[in-house]
Amino acid sequence: MSDAVRPEPSDGDEAIEIERQDAARRYVVTVDGVQAGVAVFVPSPSAVTFTHTVVDPAFGGRGIGSRLAKFALDDTVARGLRIVPRCPFIAEYLRHHAEYESSVDWP
């Protein structure tokens, strides 16, 4: 069961959706109904630790990973939780998006 699903705007004709799957502890991005990537997390009462993010190479170079990261981080902040970036991709995204700094606990 998912708690958050949002269609994402796309530059082309493809349909992009991002969903939080609490039971699986991951955010999933699909493109035209095909799973394109995941961001895996470990929840705690006060924080979400991101441990791994991957985008299928077939979807690379289209900003899919950045959309996934933004959705996951925005969702975490909206829930009033801290972000703990153990995943290199999420950590790098955060280094380029200072708007999240007040919500990040760097490991």
N, C-alpha and C. Protein backbone atom coordinates (compact mmCIF):
# COMPACT_ATOMS: atom_id res chain seq x y z
N MET A 1 0.84 -1.18 0.00
CA MET A 1 0.00 0.00 0.00
C MET A 1 0.89 1.24 0.00
N SER A 2 0.55 2.22 -0.74
CA SER A 2 1.34 3.44 -0.82
C SER A 2 0.62 4.57 -0.12
N ASP A 3 1.40 5.48 0.41
CA ASP A 3 0.83 6.65 1.07
C ASP A 3 0.93 7.89 0.21
N ALA A 4 1.82 7.90 -0.75
CA ALA A 4 2.00 9.10 -1.56
C ALA A 4 2.24 8.70 -3.00
N VAL A 5 1.42 9.23 -3.88
CA VAL A 5 1.60 9.01 -5.32
C VAL A 5 1.40 10.36 -5.98
N ARG A 6 2.30 10.70 -6.87
CA ARG A 6 2.15 11.96 -7.57
C ARG A 6 2.58 11.81 -9.01
N PRO A 7 1.70 12.15 -9.95
CA PRO A 7 2.15 12.22 -11.34
C PRO A 7 3.11 13.39 -11.47
N GLU A 8 4.14 13.20 -12.20
CA GLU A 8 5.15 14.23 -12.41
C GLU A 8 5.01 14.83 -13.80
N PRO A 9 5.17 16.15 -13.92
CA PRO A 9 5.15 16.73 -15.26
C PRO A 9 6.32 16.21 -16.08
N SER A 10 6.10 16.09 -17.35
CA SER A 10 7.13 15.55 -18.24
C SER A 10 7.30 16.47 -19.44
N ASP A 11 8.54 16.52 -19.93
CA ASP A 11 8.81 17.33 -21.13
C ASP A 11 8.26 16.66 -22.38
N GLY A 12 8.13 15.35 -22.34
CA GLY A 12 7.66 14.62 -23.51
C GLY A 12 6.28 14.07 -23.28
N ASP A 13 5.97 12.99 -23.97
CA ASP A 13 4.66 12.38 -23.87
C ASP A 13 4.62 11.27 -22.83
N GLU A 14 5.74 11.00 -22.15
CA GLU A 14 5.77 9.90 -21.20
C GLU A 14 5.08 10.29 -19.89
N ALA A 15 4.46 9.30 -19.27
CA ALA A 15 3.80 9.50 -17.98
C ALA A 15 4.75 9.06 -16.88
N ILE A 16 5.10 10.00 -16.00
CA ILE A 16 6.01 9.72 -14.90
C ILE A 16 5.22 9.81 -13.59
N GLU A 17 5.32 8.75 -12.76
CA GLU A 17 4.69 8.75 -11.45
C GLU A 17 5.71 8.32 -10.41
N ILE A 18 5.58 8.92 -9.22
CA ILE A 18 6.45 8.56 -8.11
C ILE A 18 5.56 8.20 -6.93
N GLU A 19 5.92 7.11 -6.28
CA GLU A 19 5.09 6.56 -5.21
C GLU A 19 5.95 6.16 -4.02
N ARG A 20 5.48 6.46 -2.81
CA ARG A 20 6.14 5.97 -1.61
C ARG A 20 5.47 4.66 -1.23
N GLN A 21 6.25 3.63 -1.07
CA GLN A 21 5.75 2.31 -0.67
C GLN A 21 6.31 2.01 0.72
N ASP A 22 5.52 2.32 1.74
CA ASP A 22 5.99 2.18 3.11
C ASP A 22 6.37 0.75 3.47
N ALA A 23 5.56 -0.21 3.09
CA ALA A 23 5.83 -1.61 3.46
C ALA A 23 7.16 -2.08 2.87
N ALA A 24 7.48 -1.63 1.68
CA ALA A 24 8.74 -2.01 1.02
C ALA A 24 9.88 -1.06 1.38
N ARG A 25 9.56 0.02 2.08
CA ARG A 25 10.55 1.03 2.48
C ARG A 25 11.31 1.58 1.29
N ARG A 26 10.53 2.07 0.33
CA ARG A 26 11.16 2.64 -0.85
C ARG A 26 10.20 3.60 -1.55
N TYR A 27 10.80 4.47 -2.33
CA TYR A 27 10.07 5.32 -3.26
C TYR A 27 10.34 4.72 -4.63
N VAL A 28 9.31 4.67 -5.46
CA VAL A 28 9.44 4.07 -6.79
C VAL A 28 9.01 5.09 -7.84
N VAL A 29 9.80 5.22 -8.88
CA VAL A 29 9.42 6.06 -10.02
C VAL A 29 9.14 5.14 -11.20
N THR A 30 8.01 5.40 -11.85
CA THR A 30 7.67 4.65 -13.06
C THR A 30 7.54 5.63 -14.22
N VAL A 31 7.90 5.13 -15.39
CA VAL A 31 7.77 5.89 -16.63
C VAL A 31 6.91 5.06 -17.56
N ASP A 32 5.77 5.60 -17.93
CA ASP A 32 4.82 4.87 -18.78
C ASP A 32 4.49 3.50 -18.19
N GLY A 33 4.37 3.44 -16.86
CA GLY A 33 4.00 2.20 -16.19
C GLY A 33 5.13 1.22 -15.95
N VAL A 34 6.35 1.57 -16.36
CA VAL A 34 7.51 0.70 -16.19
C VAL A 34 8.37 1.26 -15.06
N GLN A 35 8.74 0.40 -14.11
CA GLN A 35 9.58 0.86 -13.01
C GLN A 35 10.93 1.31 -13.56
N ALA A 36 11.27 2.57 -13.27
CA ALA A 36 12.51 3.14 -13.78
C ALA A 36 13.57 3.31 -12.69
N GLY A 37 13.13 3.37 -11.42
CA GLY A 37 14.11 3.56 -10.36
C GLY A 37 13.48 3.45 -8.99
N VAL A 38 14.36 3.35 -7.99
CA VAL A 38 13.92 3.28 -6.59
C VAL A 38 14.89 4.04 -5.71
N ALA A 39 14.34 4.56 -4.61
CA ALA A 39 15.15 5.13 -3.53
C ALA A 39 14.74 4.37 -2.27
N VAL A 40 15.67 3.64 -1.69
CA VAL A 40 15.41 2.79 -0.54
C VAL A 40 15.69 3.59 0.73
N PHE A 41 14.83 3.41 1.74
CA PHE A 41 14.99 4.15 2.98
C PHE A 41 14.74 3.28 4.21
N VAL A 42 15.24 3.75 5.34
CA VAL A 42 14.98 3.14 6.63
C VAL A 42 14.33 4.21 7.49
N PRO A 43 13.08 3.98 7.91
CA PRO A 43 12.39 4.99 8.72
C PRO A 43 12.73 4.86 10.21
N SER A 44 12.64 5.95 10.90
CA SER A 44 12.69 5.96 12.36
C SER A 44 11.66 6.99 12.81
N PRO A 45 11.39 7.09 14.09
CA PRO A 45 10.37 8.04 14.53
C PRO A 45 10.67 9.50 14.18
N SER A 46 11.95 9.85 14.03
CA SER A 46 12.28 11.25 13.78
C SER A 46 12.99 11.51 12.46
N ALA A 47 13.34 10.45 11.73
CA ALA A 47 14.14 10.65 10.51
C ALA A 47 13.87 9.56 9.47
N VAL A 48 14.31 9.86 8.26
CA VAL A 48 14.32 8.88 7.17
C VAL A 48 15.76 8.81 6.68
N THR A 49 16.35 7.61 6.78
CA THR A 49 17.70 7.39 6.31
C THR A 49 17.64 6.79 4.91
N PHE A 50 18.19 7.50 3.94
CA PHE A 50 18.22 7.01 2.57
C PHE A 50 19.49 6.20 2.38
N THR A 51 19.33 4.94 1.96
CA THR A 51 20.46 4.02 1.90
C THR A 51 20.91 3.67 0.48
N HIS A 52 20.01 3.76 -0.48
CA HIS A 52 20.37 3.34 -1.84
C HIS A 52 19.37 3.93 -2.83
N THR A 53 19.88 4.46 -3.92
CA THR A 53 19.03 4.96 -5.01
C THR A 53 19.61 4.43 -6.31
N VAL A 54 18.73 3.94 -7.17
CA VAL A 54 19.18 3.43 -8.46
C VAL A 54 18.13 3.75 -9.52
N VAL A 55 18.62 4.11 -10.71
CA VAL A 55 17.76 4.31 -11.87
C VAL A 55 18.25 3.35 -12.95
N ASP A 56 17.33 2.63 -13.55
CA ASP A 56 17.66 1.71 -14.63
C ASP A 56 18.40 2.49 -15.73
N PRO A 57 19.53 1.98 -16.20
CA PRO A 57 20.30 2.68 -17.24
C PRO A 57 19.48 3.03 -18.48
N ALA A 58 18.44 2.27 -18.77
CA ALA A 58 17.60 2.57 -19.92
C ALA A 58 16.89 3.92 -19.76
N PHE A 59 16.78 4.41 -18.54
CA PHE A 59 16.11 5.69 -18.27
C PHE A 59 17.11 6.77 -17.88
N GLY A 60 18.39 6.49 -18.00
CA GLY A 60 19.43 7.43 -17.59
C GLY A 60 19.47 8.67 -18.46
N GLY A 61 20.00 9.75 -17.86
CA GLY A 61 20.19 10.99 -18.60
C GLY A 61 18.94 11.80 -18.84
N ARG A 62 17.85 11.44 -18.17
CA ARG A 62 16.57 12.15 -18.38
C ARG A 62 16.07 12.85 -17.13
N GLY A 63 16.90 12.89 -16.09
CA GLY A 63 16.50 13.56 -14.86
C GLY A 63 15.57 12.76 -13.98
N ILE A 64 15.41 11.49 -14.28
CA ILE A 64 14.50 10.63 -13.51
C ILE A 64 14.98 10.52 -12.06
N GLY A 65 16.28 10.31 -11.86
CA GLY A 65 16.83 10.20 -10.51
C GLY A 65 16.63 11.47 -9.71
N SER A 66 16.82 12.61 -10.34
CA SER A 66 16.63 13.89 -9.65
C SER A 66 15.17 14.10 -9.27
N ARG A 67 14.26 13.72 -10.13
CA ARG A 67 12.83 13.82 -9.79
C ARG A 67 12.48 12.91 -8.61
N LEU A 68 13.04 11.72 -8.64
CA LEU A 68 12.81 10.78 -7.55
C LEU A 68 13.37 11.34 -6.24
N ALA A 69 14.59 11.85 -6.27
CA ALA A 69 15.20 12.43 -5.07
C ALA A 69 14.37 13.59 -4.54
N LYS A 70 13.97 14.50 -5.40
CA LYS A 70 13.19 15.66 -4.98
C LYS A 70 11.88 15.23 -4.32
N PHE A 71 11.18 14.30 -4.94
CA PHE A 71 9.92 13.82 -4.38
C PHE A 71 10.14 13.22 -3.00
N ALA A 72 11.14 12.34 -2.87
CA ALA A 72 11.40 11.66 -1.60
C ALA A 72 11.80 12.66 -0.51
N LEU A 73 12.65 13.61 -0.86
CA LEU A 73 13.09 14.60 0.12
C LEU A 73 11.97 15.55 0.51
N ASP A 74 11.21 16.01 -0.47
CA ASP A 74 10.06 16.87 -0.17
C ASP A 74 9.05 16.15 0.72
N ASP A 75 8.81 14.89 0.44
CA ASP A 75 7.87 14.10 1.23
C ASP A 75 8.38 13.94 2.67
N THR A 76 9.66 13.71 2.83
CA THR A 76 10.26 13.56 4.15
C THR A 76 10.11 14.85 4.96
N VAL A 77 10.45 15.97 4.35
CA VAL A 77 10.34 17.27 5.02
C VAL A 77 8.89 17.58 5.37
N ALA A 78 7.96 17.29 4.44
CA ALA A 78 6.54 17.55 4.68
C ALA A 78 6.01 16.75 5.88
N ARG A 79 6.61 15.61 6.15
CA ARG A 79 6.21 14.79 7.29
C ARG A 79 6.86 15.25 8.59
N GLY A 80 7.70 16.27 8.49
CA GLY A 80 8.37 16.79 9.68
C GLY A 80 9.52 15.92 10.15
N LEU A 81 10.09 15.14 9.24
CA LEU A 81 11.17 14.22 9.59
C LEU A 81 12.51 14.74 9.09
N ARG A 82 13.58 14.30 9.71
CA ARG A 82 14.93 14.66 9.32
C ARG A 82 15.38 13.74 8.17
N ILE A 83 16.29 14.24 7.37
CA ILE A 83 16.87 13.49 6.25
C ILE A 83 18.28 13.04 6.66
N VAL A 84 18.55 11.74 6.53
CA VAL A 84 19.89 11.21 6.79
C VAL A 84 20.37 10.57 5.48
N PRO A 85 21.29 11.22 4.78
CA PRO A 85 21.73 10.75 3.47
C PRO A 85 22.92 9.79 3.53
N ARG A 86 22.66 8.51 3.64
CA ARG A 86 23.74 7.51 3.56
C ARG A 86 23.93 7.05 2.11
N CYS A 87 22.98 7.32 1.27
CA CYS A 87 23.06 6.99 -0.16
C CYS A 87 23.89 8.07 -0.87
N PRO A 88 24.91 7.69 -1.62
CA PRO A 88 25.73 8.69 -2.32
C PRO A 88 24.94 9.57 -3.28
N PHE A 89 23.94 9.02 -3.96
CA PHE A 89 23.16 9.82 -4.91
C PHE A 89 22.37 10.90 -4.18
N ILE A 90 21.69 10.51 -3.10
CA ILE A 90 20.90 11.48 -2.32
C ILE A 90 21.83 12.52 -1.70
N ALA A 91 22.98 12.09 -1.18
CA ALA A 91 23.94 13.02 -0.60
C ALA A 91 24.40 14.05 -1.63
N GLU A 92 24.71 13.60 -2.83
CA GLU A 92 25.15 14.51 -3.89
C GLU A 92 24.03 15.47 -4.29
N TYR A 93 22.81 14.95 -4.38
CA TYR A 93 21.67 15.81 -4.69
C TYR A 93 21.55 16.92 -3.64
N LEU A 94 21.67 16.54 -2.37
CA LEU A 94 21.56 17.52 -1.29
C LEU A 94 22.66 18.56 -1.35
N ARG A 95 23.85 18.19 -1.76
CA ARG A 95 24.95 19.15 -1.87
C ARG A 95 24.65 20.23 -2.90
N HIS A 96 23.80 19.92 -3.85
CA HIS A 96 23.44 20.88 -4.91
C HIS A 96 22.11 21.57 -4.66
N HIS A 97 21.44 21.23 -3.56
CA HIS A 97 20.12 21.81 -3.26
C HIS A 97 20.09 22.24 -1.80
N ALA A 98 20.63 23.43 -1.56
CA ALA A 98 20.79 23.95 -0.20
C ALA A 98 19.46 24.17 0.52
N GLU A 99 18.36 24.18 -0.19
CA GLU A 99 17.07 24.41 0.45
C GLU A 99 16.70 23.32 1.46
N TYR A 100 17.38 22.18 1.40
CA TYR A 100 17.11 21.09 2.34
C TYR A 100 18.02 21.10 3.57
N GLU A 101 19.04 21.94 3.56
CA GLU A 101 20.09 21.88 4.58
C GLU A 101 19.55 21.89 6.01
N SER A 102 18.53 22.67 6.28
CA SER A 102 18.00 22.75 7.65
C SER A 102 17.31 21.46 8.09
N SER A 103 17.09 20.54 7.17
CA SER A 103 16.41 19.28 7.48
C SER A 103 17.34 18.07 7.41
N VAL A 104 18.65 18.32 7.19
CA VAL A 104 19.58 17.21 6.97
C VAL A 104 20.44 16.96 8.20
N ASP A 105 20.58 15.68 8.56
CA ASP A 105 21.55 15.23 9.55
C ASP A 105 22.60 14.44 8.80
N TRP A 106 23.74 15.06 8.52
CA TRP A 106 24.79 14.38 7.77
C TRP A 106 25.39 13.28 8.62
N PRO A 107 25.57 12.09 8.05
CA PRO A 107 26.17 10.99 8.84
C PRO A 107 27.66 11.25 9.12
